[in-house]
């Protein structure tokens, strides 16, 4: 279950008219924090991100499943299932035995998957997939943000 603070942040993003991926980002952020503080681990940064996106969909964020060709059929069906779960009114909890089994499996995973270096590597590989134009746009936006921060200081 996501923390109240995360739900509140996501709700605030929605009210501001931000995209579903921005709203879901709050859940991913929470998951990265959980790994860093040692609540549980993750096999890779991608797994931590996937857990966050799943939580976001189940919390009601209208984040569509990945398009065909972007992810496996299993991943897409799981995302669609999470989305349906978030839209349904009756929130049926999973069994305690299953929840504790998942948590104990995650506790056995490494914590370094949420390190700055691992997340930086993941961001770089993700940017390379998007292509040079997207990378340039992102770099220009970052440079612009840095300038505005410097002026404010």
N, C-alpha and C. Protein backbone atom coordinates (compact mmCIF):
# COMPACT_ATOMS: atom_id res chain seq x y z
N UNK A 1 0.85 -1.19 0.00
CA UNK A 1 0.00 0.00 0.00
C UNK A 1 0.89 1.25 0.00
N UNK A 2 0.62 2.18 -0.91
CA UNK A 2 1.42 3.42 -0.93
C UNK A 2 1.19 4.26 0.32
N UNK A 3 2.18 5.05 0.66
CA UNK A 3 2.07 5.92 1.82
C UNK A 3 1.11 7.07 1.51
N UNK A 4 0.50 7.63 2.55
CA UNK A 4 -0.47 8.73 2.38
C UNK A 4 0.16 9.93 1.69
N UNK A 5 1.41 10.19 2.06
CA UNK A 5 2.14 11.33 1.50
C UNK A 5 2.29 11.20 -0.02
N UNK A 6 2.56 9.98 -0.47
CA UNK A 6 2.73 9.72 -1.91
C UNK A 6 1.41 9.91 -2.64
N UNK A 7 0.34 9.38 -2.06
CA UNK A 7 -0.99 9.53 -2.65
C UNK A 7 -1.37 11.00 -2.75
N UNK A 8 -1.03 11.76 -1.72
CA UNK A 8 -1.32 13.19 -1.68
C UNK A 8 -0.53 13.94 -2.77
N UNK A 9 0.75 13.59 -2.92
CA UNK A 9 1.58 14.22 -3.95
C UNK A 9 1.03 13.93 -5.35
N UNK A 10 0.64 12.68 -5.57
CA UNK A 10 0.09 12.28 -6.88
C UNK A 10 -1.22 13.01 -7.15
N UNK A 11 -2.04 13.14 -6.12
CA UNK A 11 -3.33 13.84 -6.25
C UNK A 11 -3.09 15.32 -6.58
N UNK A 12 -2.08 15.89 -5.95
CA UNK A 12 -1.72 17.29 -6.19
C UNK A 12 -1.26 17.48 -7.64
N UNK A 13 -0.45 16.53 -8.13
CA UNK A 13 0.02 16.58 -9.53
C UNK A 13 -1.17 16.52 -10.49
N UNK A 14 -2.14 15.68 -10.16
CA UNK A 14 -3.33 15.53 -11.02
C UNK A 14 -4.13 16.83 -11.05
N UNK A 15 -4.28 17.45 -9.89
CA UNK A 15 -5.03 18.70 -9.80
C UNK A 15 -4.33 19.83 -10.57
N UNK A 16 -3.00 19.76 -10.63
CA UNK A 16 -2.24 20.76 -11.38
C UNK A 16 -2.27 20.50 -12.89
N UNK A 17 -2.89 19.37 -13.28
CA UNK A 17 -3.02 19.04 -14.69
C UNK A 17 -1.79 18.36 -15.26
N UNK A 18 -0.97 17.78 -14.41
CA UNK A 18 0.23 17.10 -14.88
C UNK A 18 -0.14 15.72 -15.45
N UNK A 19 0.74 15.20 -16.30
CA UNK A 19 0.48 13.94 -16.99
C UNK A 19 0.45 12.76 -16.02
N UNK A 20 -0.10 11.65 -16.51
CA UNK A 20 -0.19 10.44 -15.71
C UNK A 20 1.20 9.93 -15.34
N UNK A 21 2.17 10.08 -16.25
CA UNK A 21 3.53 9.60 -15.96
C UNK A 21 4.17 10.43 -14.85
N UNK A 22 3.83 11.72 -14.77
CA UNK A 22 4.33 12.57 -13.68
C UNK A 22 3.72 12.13 -12.36
N UNK A 23 2.42 11.81 -12.39
CA UNK A 23 1.74 11.33 -11.19
C UNK A 23 2.35 10.01 -10.73
N UNK A 24 2.62 9.12 -11.69
CA UNK A 24 3.20 7.81 -11.39
C UNK A 24 4.62 7.94 -10.86
N UNK A 25 5.30 9.01 -11.26
CA UNK A 25 6.66 9.26 -10.82
C UNK A 25 6.78 9.35 -9.31
N UNK A 26 5.73 9.81 -8.67
CA UNK A 26 5.73 9.90 -7.20
C UNK A 26 5.81 8.51 -6.56
N UNK A 27 5.15 7.54 -7.18
CA UNK A 27 5.15 6.17 -6.66
C UNK A 27 6.51 5.52 -6.90
N UNK A 28 7.12 5.83 -8.05
CA UNK A 28 8.46 5.31 -8.36
C UNK A 28 9.45 5.89 -7.36
N UNK A 29 9.32 7.18 -7.08
CA UNK A 29 10.18 7.87 -6.11
C UNK A 29 10.08 7.20 -4.74
N UNK A 30 8.86 6.87 -4.32
CA UNK A 30 8.64 6.21 -3.04
C UNK A 30 9.33 4.84 -3.02
N UNK A 31 9.24 4.11 -4.12
CA UNK A 31 9.83 2.78 -4.20
C UNK A 31 11.36 2.85 -4.11
N UNK A 32 11.94 3.84 -4.78
CA UNK A 32 13.39 4.04 -4.72
C UNK A 32 13.81 4.35 -3.28
N UNK A 33 13.01 5.15 -2.58
CA UNK A 33 13.28 5.46 -1.17
C UNK A 33 13.22 4.20 -0.32
N UNK A 34 12.24 3.34 -0.58
CA UNK A 34 12.11 2.10 0.19
C UNK A 34 13.36 1.24 0.04
N UNK A 35 13.86 1.14 -1.19
CA UNK A 35 15.06 0.34 -1.42
C UNK A 35 16.27 0.97 -0.73
N UNK A 36 16.38 2.29 -0.85
CA UNK A 36 17.52 2.99 -0.24
C UNK A 36 17.53 2.90 1.28
N UNK A 37 16.35 2.97 1.89
CA UNK A 37 16.32 2.93 3.36
C UNK A 37 16.35 1.50 3.89
N UNK A 38 16.34 0.51 2.99
CA UNK A 38 16.50 -0.87 3.39
C UNK A 38 15.21 -1.60 3.72
N UNK A 39 14.08 -1.03 3.36
CA UNK A 39 12.80 -1.70 3.61
C UNK A 39 12.77 -3.02 2.83
N UNK A 40 13.26 -2.99 1.61
CA UNK A 40 13.45 -4.18 0.78
C UNK A 40 14.45 -3.84 -0.32
N UNK A 41 14.78 -4.80 -1.14
CA UNK A 41 15.73 -4.58 -2.23
C UNK A 41 15.04 -4.69 -3.58
N UNK A 42 15.85 -4.65 -4.63
CA UNK A 42 15.35 -4.86 -5.98
C UNK A 42 16.49 -5.44 -6.80
N UNK A 43 16.14 -6.28 -7.76
CA UNK A 43 17.18 -6.92 -8.58
C UNK A 43 17.86 -5.91 -9.49
N UNK A 44 17.10 -4.90 -9.92
CA UNK A 44 17.64 -3.88 -10.83
C UNK A 44 16.84 -2.59 -10.66
N UNK A 45 17.35 -1.47 -11.17
CA UNK A 45 16.56 -0.23 -11.12
C UNK A 45 15.23 -0.39 -11.86
N UNK A 46 15.26 -1.18 -12.95
CA UNK A 46 14.03 -1.39 -13.73
C UNK A 46 12.95 -2.07 -12.88
N UNK A 47 13.36 -3.00 -12.00
CA UNK A 47 12.38 -3.68 -11.15
C UNK A 47 11.76 -2.69 -10.16
N UNK A 48 12.58 -1.83 -9.58
CA UNK A 48 12.08 -0.83 -8.64
C UNK A 48 11.09 0.10 -9.34
N UNK A 49 11.42 0.50 -10.58
CA UNK A 49 10.53 1.37 -11.36
C UNK A 49 9.23 0.64 -11.67
N UNK A 50 9.32 -0.64 -12.05
CA UNK A 50 8.13 -1.43 -12.38
C UNK A 50 7.20 -1.57 -11.18
N UNK A 51 7.77 -1.77 -10.00
CA UNK A 51 6.96 -1.88 -8.78
C UNK A 51 6.23 -0.57 -8.53
N UNK A 52 6.94 0.54 -8.70
CA UNK A 52 6.33 1.87 -8.52
C UNK A 52 5.19 2.12 -9.50
N UNK A 53 5.40 1.76 -10.77
CA UNK A 53 4.36 1.96 -11.79
C UNK A 53 3.13 1.10 -11.50
N UNK A 54 3.38 -0.13 -11.04
CA UNK A 54 2.29 -1.03 -10.68
C UNK A 54 1.47 -0.45 -9.53
N UNK A 55 2.16 0.08 -8.51
CA UNK A 55 1.47 0.70 -7.37
C UNK A 55 0.65 1.91 -7.83
N UNK A 56 1.21 2.68 -8.77
CA UNK A 56 0.52 3.87 -9.27
C UNK A 56 -0.78 3.47 -9.97
N UNK A 57 -0.69 2.47 -10.85
CA UNK A 57 -1.89 2.01 -11.57
C UNK A 57 -2.94 1.49 -10.60
N UNK A 58 -2.50 0.75 -9.59
CA UNK A 58 -3.44 0.19 -8.61
C UNK A 58 -4.03 1.27 -7.70
N UNK A 59 -3.34 2.40 -7.59
CA UNK A 59 -3.84 3.51 -6.76
C UNK A 59 -4.80 4.41 -7.55
N UNK A 60 -4.96 4.13 -8.85
CA UNK A 60 -5.92 4.89 -9.64
C UNK A 60 -5.34 5.87 -10.63
N UNK A 61 -4.02 5.88 -10.81
CA UNK A 61 -3.41 6.76 -11.82
C UNK A 61 -3.71 6.16 -13.19
N UNK A 62 -4.25 6.96 -14.09
CA UNK A 62 -4.66 6.46 -15.41
C UNK A 62 -3.47 6.39 -16.37
N UNK A 63 -2.53 5.51 -16.03
CA UNK A 63 -1.33 5.30 -16.82
C UNK A 63 -1.55 4.09 -17.72
N UNK A 64 -1.61 4.30 -19.05
CA UNK A 64 -1.92 3.16 -19.93
C UNK A 64 -0.79 2.14 -19.96
N UNK A 65 -1.13 0.88 -20.28
CA UNK A 65 -0.08 -0.14 -20.40
C UNK A 65 0.85 0.19 -21.56
N UNK A 66 2.07 -0.33 -21.56
CA UNK A 66 2.99 -0.03 -22.66
C UNK A 66 2.43 -0.54 -24.00
N UNK A 67 2.80 0.14 -25.09
CA UNK A 67 2.30 -0.23 -26.41
C UNK A 67 2.91 -1.55 -26.87
N UNK A 68 2.25 -2.18 -27.83
CA UNK A 68 2.74 -3.44 -28.37
C UNK A 68 4.11 -3.20 -29.01
N UNK A 69 5.06 -4.05 -28.67
CA UNK A 69 6.41 -3.89 -29.19
C UNK A 69 7.34 -3.18 -28.22
N UNK A 70 6.77 -2.47 -27.26
CA UNK A 70 7.58 -1.75 -26.26
C UNK A 70 7.89 -2.65 -25.06
N UNK A 71 7.00 -3.60 -24.79
CA UNK A 71 7.19 -4.51 -23.66
C UNK A 71 6.60 -5.87 -24.01
N UNK A 72 6.92 -6.87 -23.21
CA UNK A 72 6.43 -8.23 -23.47
C UNK A 72 4.92 -8.31 -23.25
N UNK A 73 4.31 -9.33 -23.80
CA UNK A 73 2.87 -9.54 -23.66
C UNK A 73 2.50 -9.71 -22.19
N UNK A 74 3.36 -10.40 -21.44
CA UNK A 74 3.12 -10.63 -20.01
C UNK A 74 3.10 -9.30 -19.25
N UNK A 75 4.07 -8.43 -19.55
CA UNK A 75 4.17 -7.13 -18.89
C UNK A 75 2.95 -6.28 -19.21
N UNK A 76 2.56 -6.28 -20.50
CA UNK A 76 1.40 -5.48 -20.92
C UNK A 76 0.11 -5.97 -20.27
N UNK A 77 -0.06 -7.29 -20.17
CA UNK A 77 -1.28 -7.83 -19.55
C UNK A 77 -1.31 -7.52 -18.05
N UNK A 78 -0.13 -7.58 -17.42
CA UNK A 78 -0.04 -7.27 -15.98
C UNK A 78 -0.37 -5.79 -15.74
N UNK A 79 0.12 -4.92 -16.62
CA UNK A 79 -0.16 -3.48 -16.50
C UNK A 79 -1.65 -3.22 -16.68
N UNK A 80 -2.27 -3.92 -17.65
CA UNK A 80 -3.71 -3.77 -17.88
C UNK A 80 -4.50 -4.26 -16.66
N UNK A 81 -4.02 -5.34 -16.05
CA UNK A 81 -4.66 -5.89 -14.85
C UNK A 81 -4.57 -4.88 -13.70
N UNK A 82 -3.39 -4.28 -13.54
CA UNK A 82 -3.20 -3.27 -12.48
C UNK A 82 -4.11 -2.07 -12.70
N UNK A 83 -4.26 -1.67 -13.97
CA UNK A 83 -5.10 -0.54 -14.32
C UNK A 83 -6.56 -0.83 -13.97
N UNK A 84 -7.02 -2.04 -14.30
CA UNK A 84 -8.40 -2.45 -13.96
C UNK A 84 -8.60 -2.46 -12.45
N UNK A 85 -7.59 -2.93 -11.75
CA UNK A 85 -7.66 -3.00 -10.28
C UNK A 85 -7.81 -1.59 -9.69
N UNK A 86 -7.12 -0.62 -10.28
CA UNK A 86 -7.20 0.76 -9.82
C UNK A 86 -8.53 1.42 -10.11
N UNK A 87 -9.18 0.97 -11.20
CA UNK A 87 -10.47 1.55 -11.58
C UNK A 87 -11.63 0.95 -10.81
N UNK A 88 -11.47 -0.31 -10.33
CA UNK A 88 -12.57 -0.99 -9.63
C UNK A 88 -12.79 -0.35 -8.26
N UNK A 89 -14.04 -0.33 -7.86
CA UNK A 89 -14.40 0.31 -6.59
C UNK A 89 -14.05 -0.57 -5.40
N UNK A 90 -14.40 -1.86 -5.47
CA UNK A 90 -14.12 -2.77 -4.36
C UNK A 90 -12.65 -3.15 -4.33
N UNK A 91 -11.91 -2.59 -3.42
CA UNK A 91 -10.48 -2.88 -3.32
C UNK A 91 -10.28 -4.17 -2.52
N UNK A 92 -10.11 -5.28 -3.24
CA UNK A 92 -9.91 -6.57 -2.59
C UNK A 92 -8.42 -6.76 -2.31
N UNK A 93 -8.07 -7.03 -1.09
CA UNK A 93 -6.67 -7.19 -0.71
C UNK A 93 -6.17 -8.57 -1.10
N UNK A 94 -4.86 -8.65 -1.41
CA UNK A 94 -4.27 -9.96 -1.68
C UNK A 94 -4.07 -10.66 -0.35
N UNK A 95 -3.88 -11.96 -0.39
CA UNK A 95 -3.74 -12.73 0.83
C UNK A 95 -2.47 -12.30 1.58
N UNK A 96 -2.52 -12.42 2.88
CA UNK A 96 -1.38 -12.06 3.71
C UNK A 96 -0.19 -12.95 3.43
N UNK A 97 -0.46 -14.21 3.14
CA UNK A 97 0.60 -15.17 2.85
C UNK A 97 1.36 -14.75 1.59
N UNK A 98 0.61 -14.33 0.56
CA UNK A 98 1.24 -13.89 -0.69
C UNK A 98 2.05 -12.61 -0.45
N UNK A 99 1.45 -11.65 0.27
CA UNK A 99 2.12 -10.37 0.54
C UNK A 99 3.44 -10.58 1.28
N UNK A 100 3.42 -11.46 2.29
CA UNK A 100 4.65 -11.69 3.06
C UNK A 100 5.68 -12.45 2.23
N UNK A 101 5.23 -13.32 1.33
CA UNK A 101 6.16 -14.05 0.45
C UNK A 101 6.85 -13.10 -0.51
N UNK A 102 6.10 -12.17 -1.08
CA UNK A 102 6.67 -11.18 -1.99
C UNK A 102 7.67 -10.30 -1.26
N UNK A 103 7.30 -9.85 -0.08
CA UNK A 103 8.19 -8.98 0.70
C UNK A 103 9.47 -9.71 1.09
N UNK A 104 9.35 -10.97 1.51
CA UNK A 104 10.55 -11.71 1.91
C UNK A 104 11.46 -11.98 0.71
N UNK A 105 10.87 -12.17 -0.48
CA UNK A 105 11.67 -12.35 -1.69
C UNK A 105 12.40 -11.05 -2.03
N UNK A 106 11.71 -9.92 -1.90
CA UNK A 106 12.34 -8.63 -2.18
C UNK A 106 13.42 -8.29 -1.16
N UNK A 107 13.23 -8.74 0.08
CA UNK A 107 14.23 -8.46 1.12
C UNK A 107 15.55 -9.17 0.83
N UNK A 108 15.48 -10.25 0.07
CA UNK A 108 16.71 -10.98 -0.28
C UNK A 108 17.49 -10.31 -1.41
N UNK A 109 16.85 -9.36 -2.10
CA UNK A 109 17.51 -8.68 -3.22
C UNK A 109 18.44 -7.58 -2.73
N UNK A 110 19.34 -7.16 -3.62
CA UNK A 110 20.36 -6.16 -3.26
C UNK A 110 19.76 -4.75 -3.16
N UNK A 111 20.45 -3.91 -2.41
CA UNK A 111 20.00 -2.52 -2.22
C UNK A 111 20.70 -1.56 -3.20
N UNK A 112 21.79 -2.02 -3.79
CA UNK A 112 22.58 -1.15 -4.67
C UNK A 112 21.86 -0.78 -5.96
N UNK A 113 20.73 -1.44 -6.24
CA UNK A 113 19.98 -1.14 -7.47
C UNK A 113 19.34 0.24 -7.42
N UNK A 114 19.28 0.86 -6.25
CA UNK A 114 18.72 2.20 -6.12
C UNK A 114 19.82 3.24 -5.88
N UNK A 115 21.07 2.86 -6.14
CA UNK A 115 22.17 3.80 -5.95
C UNK A 115 22.13 4.86 -7.05
N UNK A 116 22.81 5.96 -6.81
CA UNK A 116 22.87 7.05 -7.78
C UNK A 116 23.45 6.56 -9.10
N UNK A 117 24.52 5.76 -9.00
CA UNK A 117 25.19 5.25 -10.20
C UNK A 117 24.26 4.35 -11.02
N UNK A 118 23.53 3.45 -10.33
CA UNK A 118 22.62 2.53 -11.02
C UNK A 118 21.48 3.28 -11.70
N UNK A 119 20.94 4.27 -11.00
CA UNK A 119 19.83 5.06 -11.57
C UNK A 119 20.31 5.93 -12.71
N UNK A 120 21.53 6.44 -12.62
CA UNK A 120 22.11 7.25 -13.68
C UNK A 120 22.31 6.40 -14.93
N UNK A 121 22.80 5.19 -14.74
CA UNK A 121 23.01 4.25 -15.86
C UNK A 121 21.68 3.92 -16.53
N UNK A 122 20.65 3.70 -15.72
CA UNK A 122 19.31 3.40 -16.24
C UNK A 122 18.76 4.58 -17.03
N UNK A 123 18.93 5.79 -16.51
CA UNK A 123 18.44 7.00 -17.19
C UNK A 123 19.15 7.18 -18.53
N UNK A 124 20.44 6.90 -18.56
CA UNK A 124 21.22 7.02 -19.79
C UNK A 124 20.77 6.04 -20.85
N UNK A 125 20.55 4.78 -20.44
CA UNK A 125 20.13 3.76 -21.40
C UNK A 125 18.72 4.05 -21.91
N UNK A 126 17.88 4.58 -21.04
CA UNK A 126 16.52 4.95 -21.43
C UNK A 126 16.54 6.11 -22.43
N UNK A 127 17.43 7.06 -22.21
CA UNK A 127 17.57 8.21 -23.11
C UNK A 127 18.08 7.78 -24.47
N UNK A 128 19.02 6.82 -24.48
CA UNK A 128 19.55 6.32 -25.76
C UNK A 128 18.46 5.66 -26.59
N UNK A 129 17.53 4.99 -25.93
CA UNK A 129 16.42 4.34 -26.65
C UNK A 129 15.51 5.39 -27.30
N UNK A 130 15.36 6.53 -26.64
CA UNK A 130 14.47 7.57 -27.17
C UNK A 130 15.07 8.28 -28.37
N UNK A 131 16.39 8.32 -28.47
CA UNK A 131 17.02 8.93 -29.64
C UNK A 131 17.67 10.26 -29.36
N UNK A 132 18.47 10.73 -30.33
CA UNK A 132 19.27 11.95 -30.12
C UNK A 132 18.44 13.22 -29.94
N UNK A 133 17.33 13.34 -30.66
CA UNK A 133 16.51 14.55 -30.57
C UNK A 133 15.94 14.70 -29.16
N UNK A 134 15.45 13.59 -28.59
CA UNK A 134 14.89 13.62 -27.23
C UNK A 134 15.98 13.94 -26.21
N UNK A 135 17.19 13.39 -26.43
CA UNK A 135 18.31 13.66 -25.52
C UNK A 135 18.68 15.12 -25.54
N UNK A 136 18.71 15.71 -26.74
CA UNK A 136 19.06 17.13 -26.88
C UNK A 136 18.02 18.00 -26.18
N UNK A 137 16.74 17.68 -26.39
CA UNK A 137 15.65 18.44 -25.77
C UNK A 137 15.75 18.38 -24.25
N UNK A 138 16.04 17.18 -23.73
CA UNK A 138 16.18 16.97 -22.29
C UNK A 138 17.37 17.76 -21.74
N UNK A 139 18.49 17.75 -22.47
CA UNK A 139 19.70 18.46 -22.04
C UNK A 139 19.47 19.97 -22.02
N UNK A 140 18.77 20.47 -23.04
CA UNK A 140 18.47 21.91 -23.10
C UNK A 140 17.56 22.33 -21.95
N UNK A 141 16.59 21.45 -21.65
CA UNK A 141 15.66 21.74 -20.55
C UNK A 141 16.42 21.76 -19.22
N UNK A 142 17.35 20.82 -19.04
CA UNK A 142 18.15 20.76 -17.82
C UNK A 142 19.03 22.00 -17.70
N UNK A 143 19.64 22.41 -18.81
CA UNK A 143 20.50 23.60 -18.80
C UNK A 143 19.69 24.85 -18.46
N UNK A 144 18.50 24.92 -19.02
CA UNK A 144 17.61 26.06 -18.76
C UNK A 144 17.22 26.10 -17.28
N UNK A 145 16.93 24.94 -16.72
CA UNK A 145 16.56 24.84 -15.30
C UNK A 145 17.73 25.29 -14.43
N UNK A 146 18.95 24.84 -14.78
CA UNK A 146 20.13 25.22 -14.00
C UNK A 146 20.34 26.73 -14.01
N UNK A 147 20.12 27.36 -15.17
CA UNK A 147 20.27 28.81 -15.28
C UNK A 147 19.27 29.54 -14.40
N UNK A 148 18.02 29.07 -14.42
CA UNK A 148 17.00 29.74 -13.62
C UNK A 148 17.25 29.55 -12.13
N UNK A 149 17.83 28.41 -11.76
CA UNK A 149 18.16 28.15 -10.36
C UNK A 149 19.29 29.07 -9.91
N UNK A 150 20.29 29.24 -10.77
CA UNK A 150 21.43 30.13 -10.46
C UNK A 150 20.97 31.58 -10.28
N UNK A 151 20.04 32.02 -11.17
CA UNK A 151 19.55 33.40 -11.08
C UNK A 151 18.79 33.63 -9.79
N UNK A 152 18.05 32.62 -9.35
CA UNK A 152 17.26 32.74 -8.13
C UNK A 152 18.16 32.80 -6.88
N UNK A 153 19.31 32.15 -6.95
CA UNK A 153 20.21 32.08 -5.78
C UNK A 153 21.02 33.33 -5.59
